[in-house]
Amino acid sequence: MKEDLNQPEKIIVEKPAMTFKQKATLTITVLMMVALVAFIVQNYNKVKIDFFMFEFRVRIIYLMVFSAVIGMFSMYVFQKYRRSKKKK
């Protein structure tokens, strides 16, 4: 086959891997995670928790991780609820 010399070459423009907004969001998220880990490590001592008639001695780190997981789960469920309500 002969190449057609009259047709211009196709120019391929590559898009950046991430936009500025995505990079900024990722950077802020990473910084917040580093700050959270540093805060948790500094609060490694035990505390006494009275829950109804039960008493626990738990490290603050576990309370914070548990609270963060509960918060992430509840936000996930809330977002799913809002998206499903928006589609209707």
PDB file of N, CA and C in Angstrom:
ATOM      1  N   MET A   1       0.830  -1.184   0.000  1.00  0.00           N
ATOM      2  CA  MET A   1       0.000   0.000   0.000  1.00  0.00           C
ATOM      3  C   MET A   1       0.868   1.239   0.000  1.00  0.00           C
ATOM      4  N   LYS A   2       0.431   2.210  -0.730  1.00  0.00           N
ATOM      5  CA  LYS A   2       1.156   3.469  -0.776  1.00  0.00           C
ATOM      6  C   LYS A   2       0.537   4.455   0.193  1.00  0.00           C
ATOM      7  N   GLU A   3       1.392   5.235   0.842  1.00  0.00           N
ATOM      8  CA  GLU A   3       0.896   6.260   1.754  1.00  0.00           C
ATOM      9  C   GLU A   3       0.459   7.477   0.945  1.00  0.00           C
ATOM     10  N   ASP A   4      -0.625   8.091   1.378  1.00  0.00           N
ATOM     11  CA  ASP A   4      -1.113   9.290   0.715  1.00  0.00           C
ATOM     12  C   ASP A   4      -0.346  10.476   1.278  1.00  0.00           C
ATOM     13  N   LEU A   5       0.506  11.081   0.506  1.00  0.00           N
ATOM     14  CA  LEU A   5       1.344  12.183   0.965  1.00  0.00           C
ATOM     15  C   LEU A   5       0.583  13.499   1.023  1.00  0.00           C
ATOM     16  N   ASN A   6      -0.604  13.558   0.453  1.00  0.00           N
ATOM     17  CA  ASN A   6      -1.373  14.795   0.453  1.00  0.00           C
ATOM     18  C   ASN A   6      -2.115  15.033   1.764  1.00  0.00           C
ATOM     19  N   GLN A   7      -2.322  13.994   2.555  1.00  0.00           N
ATOM     20  CA  GLN A   7      -3.066  14.143   3.801  1.00  0.00           C
ATOM     21  C   GLN A   7      -2.104  14.503   4.938  1.00  0.00           C
ATOM     22  N   PRO A   8      -2.518  15.474   5.779  1.00  0.00           N
ATOM     23  CA  PRO A   8      -1.652  15.848   6.903  1.00  0.00           C
ATOM     24  C   PRO A   8      -1.618  14.730   7.951  1.00  0.00           C
ATOM     25  N   GLU A   9      -0.538  14.737   8.716  1.00  0.00           N
ATOM     26  CA  GLU A   9      -0.407  13.744   9.790  1.00  0.00           C
ATOM     27  C   GLU A   9      -1.389  14.063  10.907  1.00  0.00           C
ATOM     28  N   LYS A  10      -1.868  13.044  11.552  1.00  0.00           N
ATOM     29  CA  LYS A  10      -2.773  13.241  12.667  1.00  0.00           C
ATOM     30  C   LYS A  10      -1.964  13.599  13.904  1.00  0.00           C
ATOM     31  N   ILE A  11      -2.372  14.653  14.561  1.00  0.00           N
ATOM     32  CA  ILE A  11      -1.692  15.100  15.784  1.00  0.00           C
ATOM     33  C   ILE A  11      -2.452  14.543  16.976  1.00  0.00           C
ATOM     34  N   ILE A  12      -1.735  13.843  17.814  1.00  0.00           N
ATOM     35  CA  ILE A  12      -2.346  13.250  18.996  1.00  0.00           C
ATOM     36  C   ILE A  12      -2.028  14.142  20.192  1.00  0.00           C
ATOM     37  N   VAL A  13      -3.083  14.632  20.829  1.00  0.00           N
ATOM     38  CA  VAL A  13      -2.921  15.477  22.013  1.00  0.00           C
ATOM     39  C   VAL A  13      -3.283  14.632  23.231  1.00  0.00           C
ATOM     40  N   GLU A  14      -2.318  14.485  24.125  1.00  0.00           N
ATOM     41  CA  GLU A  14      -2.574  13.701  25.324  1.00  0.00           C
ATOM     42  C   GLU A  14      -3.127  14.591  26.425  1.00  0.00           C
ATOM     43  N   LYS A  15      -4.143  14.093  27.093  1.00  0.00           N
ATOM     44  CA  LYS A  15      -4.713  14.823  28.216  1.00  0.00           C
ATOM     45  C   LYS A  15      -3.850  14.556  29.448  1.00  0.00           C
ATOM     46  N   PRO A  16      -3.777  15.538  30.346  1.00  0.00           N
ATOM     47  CA  PRO A  16      -3.014  15.277  31.569  1.00  0.00           C
ATOM     48  C   PRO A  16      -3.683  14.155  32.368  1.00  0.00           C
ATOM     49  N   ALA A  17      -2.866  13.410  33.112  1.00  0.00           N
ATOM     50  CA  ALA A  17      -3.384  12.273  33.866  1.00  0.00           C
ATOM     51  C   ALA A  17      -4.406  12.730  34.904  1.00  0.00           C
ATOM     52  N   MET A  18      -4.139  13.869  35.550  1.00  0.00           N
ATOM     53  CA  MET A  18      -5.041  14.386  36.574  1.00  0.00           C
ATOM     54  C   MET A  18      -5.214  15.889  36.372  1.00  0.00           C
ATOM     55  N   THR A  19      -6.418  16.375  36.650  1.00  0.00           N
ATOM     56  CA  THR A  19      -6.650  17.812  36.575  1.00  0.00           C
ATOM     57  C   THR A  19      -6.123  18.470  37.841  1.00  0.00           C
ATOM     58  N   PHE A  20      -6.074  19.786  37.828  1.00  0.00           N
ATOM     59  CA  PHE A  20      -5.594  20.516  39.006  1.00  0.00           C
ATOM     60  C   PHE A  20      -6.496  20.269  40.202  1.00  0.00           C
ATOM     61  N   LYS A  21      -7.804  20.234  39.960  1.00  0.00           N
ATOM     62  CA  LYS A  21      -8.759  20.002  41.052  1.00  0.00           C
ATOM     63  C   LYS A  21      -8.544  18.621  41.667  1.00  0.00           C
ATOM     64  N   GLN A  22      -8.304  17.619  40.832  1.00  0.00           N
ATOM     65  CA  GLN A  22      -8.060  16.270  41.339  1.00  0.00           C
ATOM     66  C   GLN A  22      -6.763  16.223  42.146  1.00  0.00           C
ATOM     67  N   LYS A  23      -5.730  16.899  41.667  1.00  0.00           N
ATOM     68  CA  LYS A  23      -4.459  16.931  42.394  1.00  0.00           C
ATOM     69  C   LYS A  23      -4.610  17.636  43.737  1.00  0.00           C
ATOM     70  N   ALA A  24      -5.345  18.753  43.746  1.00  0.00           N
ATOM     71  CA  ALA A  24      -5.557  19.495  44.985  1.00  0.00           C
ATOM     72  C   ALA A  24      -6.353  18.662  45.981  1.00  0.00           C
ATOM     73  N   THR A  25      -7.387  17.994  45.507  1.00  0.00           N
ATOM     74  CA  THR A  25      -8.202  17.144  46.380  1.00  0.00           C
ATOM     75  C   THR A  25      -7.371  16.004  46.951  1.00  0.00           C
ATOM     76  N   LEU A  26      -6.573  15.378  46.116  1.00  0.00           N
ATOM     77  CA  LEU A  26      -5.714  14.290  46.576  1.00  0.00           C
ATOM     78  C   LEU A  26      -4.703  14.780  47.601  1.00  0.00           C
ATOM     79  N   THR A  27      -4.092  15.939  47.359  1.00  0.00           N
ATOM     80  CA  THR A  27      -3.109  16.493  48.281  1.00  0.00           C
ATOM     81  C   THR A  27      -3.744  16.809  49.633  1.00  0.00           C
ATOM     82  N   ILE A  28      -4.898  17.445  49.616  1.00  0.00           N
ATOM     83  CA  ILE A  28      -5.580  17.787  50.868  1.00  0.00           C
ATOM     84  C   ILE A  28      -5.975  16.520  51.620  1.00  0.00           C
ATOM     85  N   THR A  29      -6.456  15.519  50.905  1.00  0.00           N
ATOM     86  CA  THR A  29      -6.841  14.261  51.539  1.00  0.00           C
ATOM     87  C   THR A  29      -5.645  13.582  52.191  1.00  0.00           C
ATOM     88  N   VAL A  30      -4.530  13.539  51.490  1.00  0.00           N
ATOM     89  CA  VAL A  30      -3.324  12.918  52.047  1.00  0.00           C
ATOM     90  C   VAL A  30      -2.849  13.678  53.279  1.00  0.00           C
ATOM     91  N   LEU A  31      -2.850  15.003  53.232  1.00  0.00           N
ATOM     92  CA  LEU A  31      -2.441  15.796  54.393  1.00  0.00           C
ATOM     93  C   LEU A  31      -3.361  15.571  55.585  1.00  0.00           C
ATOM     94  N   MET A  32      -4.656  15.471  55.333  1.00  0.00           N
ATOM     95  CA  MET A  32      -5.595  15.207  56.423  1.00  0.00           C
ATOM     96  C   MET A  32      -5.371  13.817  57.022  1.00  0.00           C
ATOM     97  N   MET A  33      -5.084  12.836  56.179  1.00  0.00           N
ATOM     98  CA  MET A  33      -4.819  11.489  56.675  1.00  0.00           C
ATOM     99  C   MET A  33      -3.543  11.454  57.512  1.00  0.00           C
ATOM    100  N   VAL A  34      -2.502  12.166  57.076  1.00  0.00           N
ATOM    101  CA  VAL A  34      -1.249  12.232  57.841  1.00  0.00           C
ATOM    102  C   VAL A  34      -1.505  12.901  59.187  1.00  0.00           C
ATOM    103  N   ALA A  35      -2.282  13.976  59.187  1.00  0.00           N
ATOM    104  CA  ALA A  35      -2.600  14.661  60.438  1.00  0.00           C
ATOM    105  C   ALA A  35      -3.414  13.754  61.361  1.00  0.00           C
ATOM    106  N   LEU A  36      -4.345  12.997  60.806  1.00  0.00           N
ATOM    107  CA  LEU A  36      -5.146  12.075  61.602  1.00  0.00           C
ATOM    108  C   LEU A  36      -4.278  10.989  62.224  1.00  0.00           C
ATOM    109  N   VAL A  37      -3.369  10.422  61.447  1.00  0.00           N
ATOM    110  CA  VAL A  37      -2.480   9.382  61.965  1.00  0.00           C
ATOM    111  C   VAL A  37      -1.587   9.947  63.069  1.00  0.00           C
ATOM    112  N   ALA A  38      -1.041  11.138  62.868  1.00  0.00           N
ATOM    113  CA  ALA A  38      -0.197  11.759  63.897  1.00  0.00           C
ATOM    114  C   ALA A  38      -0.995  12.014  65.172  1.00  0.00           C
ATOM    115  N   PHE A  39      -2.218  12.471  65.032  1.00  0.00           N
ATOM    116  CA  PHE A  39      -3.074  12.734  66.188  1.00  0.00           C
ATOM    117  C   PHE A  39      -3.392  11.448  66.943  1.00  0.00           C
ATOM    118  N   ILE A  40      -3.667  10.392  66.207  1.00  0.00           N
ATOM    119  CA  ILE A  40      -3.991   9.107  66.828  1.00  0.00           C
ATOM    120  C   ILE A  40      -2.776   8.549  67.570  1.00  0.00           C
ATOM    121  N   VAL A  41      -1.615   8.621  66.956  1.00  0.00           N
ATOM    122  CA  VAL A  41      -0.399   8.091  67.595  1.00  0.00           C
ATOM    123  C   VAL A  41      -0.096   8.851  68.882  1.00  0.00           C
ATOM    124  N   GLN A  42      -0.331  10.141  68.900  1.00  0.00           N
ATOM    125  CA  GLN A  42      -0.066  10.935  70.096  1.00  0.00           C
ATOM    126  C   GLN A  42      -1.072  10.640  71.211  1.00  0.00           C
ATOM    127  N   ASN A  43      -2.219  10.101  70.870  1.00  0.00           N
ATOM    128  CA  ASN A  43      -3.255   9.806  71.863  1.00  0.00           C
ATOM    129  C   ASN A  43      -3.410   8.298  72.024  1.00  0.00           C
ATOM    130  N   TYR A  44      -2.343   7.638  72.408  1.00  0.00           N
ATOM    131  CA  TYR A  44      -2.327   6.186  72.493  1.00  0.00           C
ATOM    132  C   TYR A  44      -2.669   5.679  73.898  1.00  0.00           C
ATOM    133  N   ASN A  45      -2.891   6.561  74.844  1.00  0.00           N
ATOM    134  CA  ASN A  45      -3.164   6.134  76.223  1.00  0.00           C
ATOM    135  C   ASN A  45      -4.572   5.570  76.371  1.00  0.00           C
ATOM    136  N   LYS A  46      -4.802   4.876  77.492  1.00  0.00           N
ATOM    137  CA  LYS A  46      -6.104   4.245  77.734  1.00  0.00           C
ATOM    138  C   LYS A  46      -7.031   5.196  78.477  1.00  0.00           C
ATOM    139  N   VAL A  47      -8.330   5.044  78.211  1.00  0.00           N
ATOM    140  CA  VAL A  47      -9.351   5.813  78.916  1.00  0.00           C
ATOM    141  C   VAL A  47     -10.435   4.852  79.390  1.00  0.00           C
ATOM    142  N   LYS A  48     -11.153   5.283  80.406  1.00  0.00           N
ATOM    143  CA  LYS A  48     -12.253   4.480  80.938  1.00  0.00           C
ATOM    144  C   LYS A  48     -13.550   4.979  80.324  1.00  0.00           C
ATOM    145  N   ILE A  49     -14.359   4.043  79.830  1.00  0.00           N
ATOM    146  CA  ILE A  49     -15.629   4.385  79.212  1.00  0.00           C
ATOM    147  C   ILE A  49     -16.737   3.680  79.977  1.00  0.00           C
ATOM    148  N   ASP A  50     -17.717   4.450  80.388  1.00  0.00           N
ATOM    149  CA  ASP A  50     -18.908   3.896  81.020  1.00  0.00           C
ATOM    150  C   ASP A  50     -20.038   3.964  79.999  1.00  0.00           C
ATOM    151  N   PHE A  51     -20.513   2.804  79.577  1.00  0.00           N
ATOM    152  CA  PHE A  51     -21.590   2.722  78.588  1.00  0.00           C
ATOM    153  C   PHE A  51     -22.714   1.922  79.203  1.00  0.00           C
ATOM    154  N   PHE A  52     -23.811   2.587  79.496  1.00  0.00           N
ATOM    155  CA  PHE A  52     -24.920   2.018  80.256  1.00  0.00           C
ATOM    156  C   PHE A  52     -24.375   1.447  81.560  1.00  0.00           C
ATOM    157  N   MET A  53     -24.473   0.140  81.748  1.00  0.00           N
ATOM    158  CA  MET A  53     -23.961  -0.420  82.990  1.00  0.00           C
ATOM    159  C   MET A  53     -22.635  -1.147  82.784  1.00  0.00           C
ATOM    160  N   PHE A  54     -22.030  -0.964  81.622  1.00  0.00           N
ATOM    161  CA  PHE A  54     -20.744  -1.596  81.323  1.00  0.00           C
ATOM    162  C   PHE A  54     -19.628  -0.585  81.475  1.00  0.00           C
ATOM    163  N   GLU A  55     -18.457  -1.105  81.787  1.00  0.00           N
ATOM    164  CA  GLU A  55     -17.275  -0.244  81.930  1.00  0.00           C
ATOM    165  C   GLU A  55     -16.141  -0.858  81.117  1.00  0.00           C
ATOM    166  N   PHE A  56     -15.514  -0.033  80.296  1.00  0.00           N
ATOM    167  CA  PHE A  56     -14.423  -0.485  79.428  1.00  0.00           C
ATOM    168  C   PHE A  56     -13.194   0.394  79.647  1.00  0.00           C
ATOM    169  N   ARG A  57     -12.031  -0.187  79.463  1.00  0.00           N
ATOM    170  CA  ARG A  57     -10.792   0.579  79.379  1.00  0.00           C
ATOM    171  C   ARG A  57     -10.236   0.322  77.984  1.00  0.00           C
ATOM    172  N   VAL A  58     -10.251   1.358  77.197  1.00  0.00           N
ATOM    173  CA  VAL A  58      -9.887   1.240  75.787  1.00  0.00           C
ATOM    174  C   VAL A  58      -8.885   2.330  75.438  1.00  0.00           C
ATOM    175  N   ARG A  59      -7.994   2.012  74.524  1.00  0.00           N
ATOM    176  CA  ARG A  59      -7.062   3.036  74.030  1.00  0.00           C
ATOM    177  C   ARG A  59      -7.821   4.033  73.154  1.00  0.00           C
ATOM    178  N   ILE A  60      -7.441   5.281  73.275  1.00  0.00           N
ATOM    179  CA  ILE A  60      -8.112   6.340  72.507  1.00  0.00           C
ATOM    180  C   ILE A  60      -7.979   6.085  71.004  1.00  0.00           C
ATOM    181  N   ILE A  61      -6.871   5.506  70.602  1.00  0.00           N
ATOM    182  CA  ILE A  61      -6.647   5.245  69.177  1.00  0.00           C
ATOM    183  C   ILE A  61      -7.766   4.390  68.596  1.00  0.00           C
ATOM    184  N   TYR A  62      -8.224   3.381  69.349  1.00  0.00           N
ATOM    185  CA  TYR A  62      -9.286   2.511  68.847  1.00  0.00           C
ATOM    186  C   TYR A  62     -10.629   3.249  68.793  1.00  0.00           C
ATOM    187  N   LEU A  63     -10.862   4.109  69.750  1.00  0.00           N
ATOM    188  CA  LEU A  63     -12.091   4.909  69.727  1.00  0.00           C
ATOM    189  C   LEU A  63     -12.118   5.838  68.519  1.00  0.00           C
ATOM    190  N   MET A  64     -10.985   6.445  68.238  1.00  0.00           N
ATOM    191  CA  MET A  64     -10.914   7.371  67.107  1.00  0.00           C
ATOM    192  C   MET A  64     -11.070   6.642  65.771  1.00  0.00           C
ATOM    193  N   VAL A  65     -10.415   5.498  65.641  1.00  0.00           N
ATOM    194  CA  VAL A  65     -10.533   4.730  64.401  1.00  0.00           C
ATOM    195  C   VAL A  65     -11.973   4.245  64.229  1.00  0.00           C
ATOM    196  N   PHE A  66     -12.558   3.761  65.311  1.00  0.00           N
ATOM    197  CA  PHE A  66     -13.950   3.300  65.269  1.00  0.00           C
ATOM    198  C   PHE A  66     -14.871   4.456  64.882  1.00  0.00           C
ATOM    199  N   SER A  67     -14.659   5.613  65.471  1.00  0.00           N
ATOM    200  CA  SER A  67     -15.492   6.779  65.146  1.00  0.00           C
ATOM    201  C   SER A  67     -15.312   7.201  63.690  1.00  0.00           C
ATOM    202  N   ALA A  68     -14.078   7.162  63.195  1.00  0.00           N
ATOM    203  CA  ALA A  68     -13.819   7.530  61.803  1.00  0.00           C
ATOM    204  C   ALA A  68     -14.507   6.555  60.851  1.00  0.00           C
ATOM    205  N   VAL A  69     -14.441   5.266  61.156  1.00  0.00           N
ATOM    206  CA  VAL A  69     -15.087   4.262  60.304  1.00  0.00           C
ATOM    207  C   VAL A  69     -16.604   4.450  60.317  1.00  0.00           C
ATOM    208  N   ILE A  70     -17.170   4.689  61.485  1.00  0.00           N
ATOM    209  CA  ILE A  70     -18.616   4.928  61.578  1.00  0.00           C
ATOM    210  C   ILE A  70     -18.986   6.184  60.785  1.00  0.00           C
ATOM    211  N   GLY A  71     -18.178   7.234  60.884  1.00  0.00           N
ATOM    212  CA  GLY A  71     -18.434   8.466  60.134  1.00  0.00           C
ATOM    213  C   GLY A  71     -18.369   8.251  58.635  1.00  0.00           C
ATOM    214  N   MET A  72     -17.350   7.506  58.168  1.00  0.00           N
ATOM    215  CA  MET A  72     -17.232   7.231  56.732  1.00  0.00           C
ATOM    216  C   MET A  72     -18.406   6.401  56.242  1.00  0.00           C
ATOM    217  N   PHE A  73     -18.808   5.403  57.019  1.00  0.00           N
ATOM    218  CA  PHE A  73     -19.929   4.554  56.635  1.00  0.00           C
ATOM    219  C   PHE A  73     -21.228   5.361  56.566  1.00  0.00           C
ATOM    220  N   SER A  74     -21.447   6.211  57.565  1.00  0.00           N
ATOM    221  CA  SER A  74     -22.683   6.995  57.574  1.00  0.00           C
ATOM    222  C   SER A  74     -22.712   8.009  56.424  1.00  0.00           C
ATOM    223  N   MET A  75     -21.573   8.606  56.087  1.00  0.00           N
ATOM    224  CA  MET A  75     -21.533   9.523  54.943  1.00  0.00           C
ATOM    225  C   MET A  75     -21.780   8.775  53.635  1.00  0.00           C
ATOM    226  N   TYR A  76     -21.242   7.561  53.523  1.00  0.00           N
ATOM    227  CA  TYR A  76     -21.460   6.743  52.330  1.00  0.00           C
ATOM    228  C   TYR A  76     -22.950   6.441  52.165  1.00  0.00           C
ATOM    229  N   VAL A  77     -23.592   6.025  53.249  1.00  0.00           N
ATOM    230  CA  VAL A  77     -25.020   5.703  53.204  1.00  0.00           C
ATOM    231  C   VAL A  77     -25.832   6.959  52.877  1.00  0.00           C
ATOM    232  N   PHE A  78     -25.464   8.095  53.484  1.00  0.00           N
ATOM    233  CA  PHE A  78     -26.170   9.355  53.231  1.00  0.00           C
ATOM    234  C   PHE A  78     -26.050   9.770  51.767  1.00  0.00           C
ATOM    235  N   GLN A  79     -24.844   9.636  51.186  1.00  0.00           N
ATOM    236  CA  GLN A  79     -24.652   9.990  49.782  1.00  0.00           C
ATOM    237  C   GLN A  79     -25.452   9.068  48.869  1.00  0.00           C
ATOM    238  N   LYS A  80     -25.465   7.784  49.180  1.00  0.00           N
ATOM    239  CA  LYS A  80     -26.254   6.840  48.382  1.00  0.00           C
ATOM    240  C   LYS A  80     -27.736   7.218  48.438  1.00  0.00           C
ATOM    241  N   TYR A  81     -28.213   7.583  49.621  1.00  0.00           N
ATOM    242  CA  TYR A  81     -29.610   7.984  49.794  1.00  0.00           C
ATOM    243  C   TYR A  81     -29.925   9.226  48.963  1.00  0.00           C
ATOM    244  N   ARG A  82     -29.037  10.225  49.004  1.00  0.00           N
ATOM    245  CA  ARG A  82     -29.275  11.461  48.256  1.00  0.00           C
ATOM    246  C   ARG A  82     -29.256  11.211  46.755  1.00  0.00           C
ATOM    247  N   ARG A  83     -28.331  10.365  46.288  1.00  0.00           N
ATOM    248  CA  ARG A  83     -28.269  10.068  44.855  1.00  0.00           C
ATOM    249  C   ARG A  83     -29.508   9.330  44.386  1.00  0.00           C
ATOM    250  N   SER A  84     -29.977   8.387  45.193  1.00  0.00           N
ATOM    251  CA  SER A  84     -31.166   7.642  44.790  1.00  0.00           C
ATOM    252  C   SER A  84     -32.396   8.548  44.808  1.00  0.00           C
ATOM    253  N   LYS A  85     -32.432   9.500  45.737  1.00  0.00           N
ATOM    254  CA  LYS A  85     -33.563  10.418  45.817  1.00  0.00           C
ATOM    255  C   LYS A  85     -33.528  11.397  44.636  1.00  0.00           C
ATOM    256  N   LYS A  86     -32.321  11.781  44.196  1.00  0.00           N
ATOM    257  CA  LYS A  86     -32.161  12.720  43.088  1.00  0.00           C
ATOM    258  C   LYS A  86     -32.609  12.090  41.773  1.00  0.00           C
ATOM    259  N   LYS A  87     -32.386  10.791  41.605  1.00  0.00           N
ATOM    260  CA  LYS A  87     -32.745  10.112  40.369  1.00  0.00           C
ATOM    261  C   LYS A  87     -34.238   9.983  40.165  1.00  0.00           C
ATOM    262  N   LYS A  88     -34.997   9.991  41.249  1.00  0.00           N
ATOM    263  CA  LYS A  88     -36.458   9.819  41.160  1.00  0.00           C
ATOM    264  C   LYS A  88     -37.165  11.014  40.608  1.00  0.00           C
TER     265      LYS A  88
END
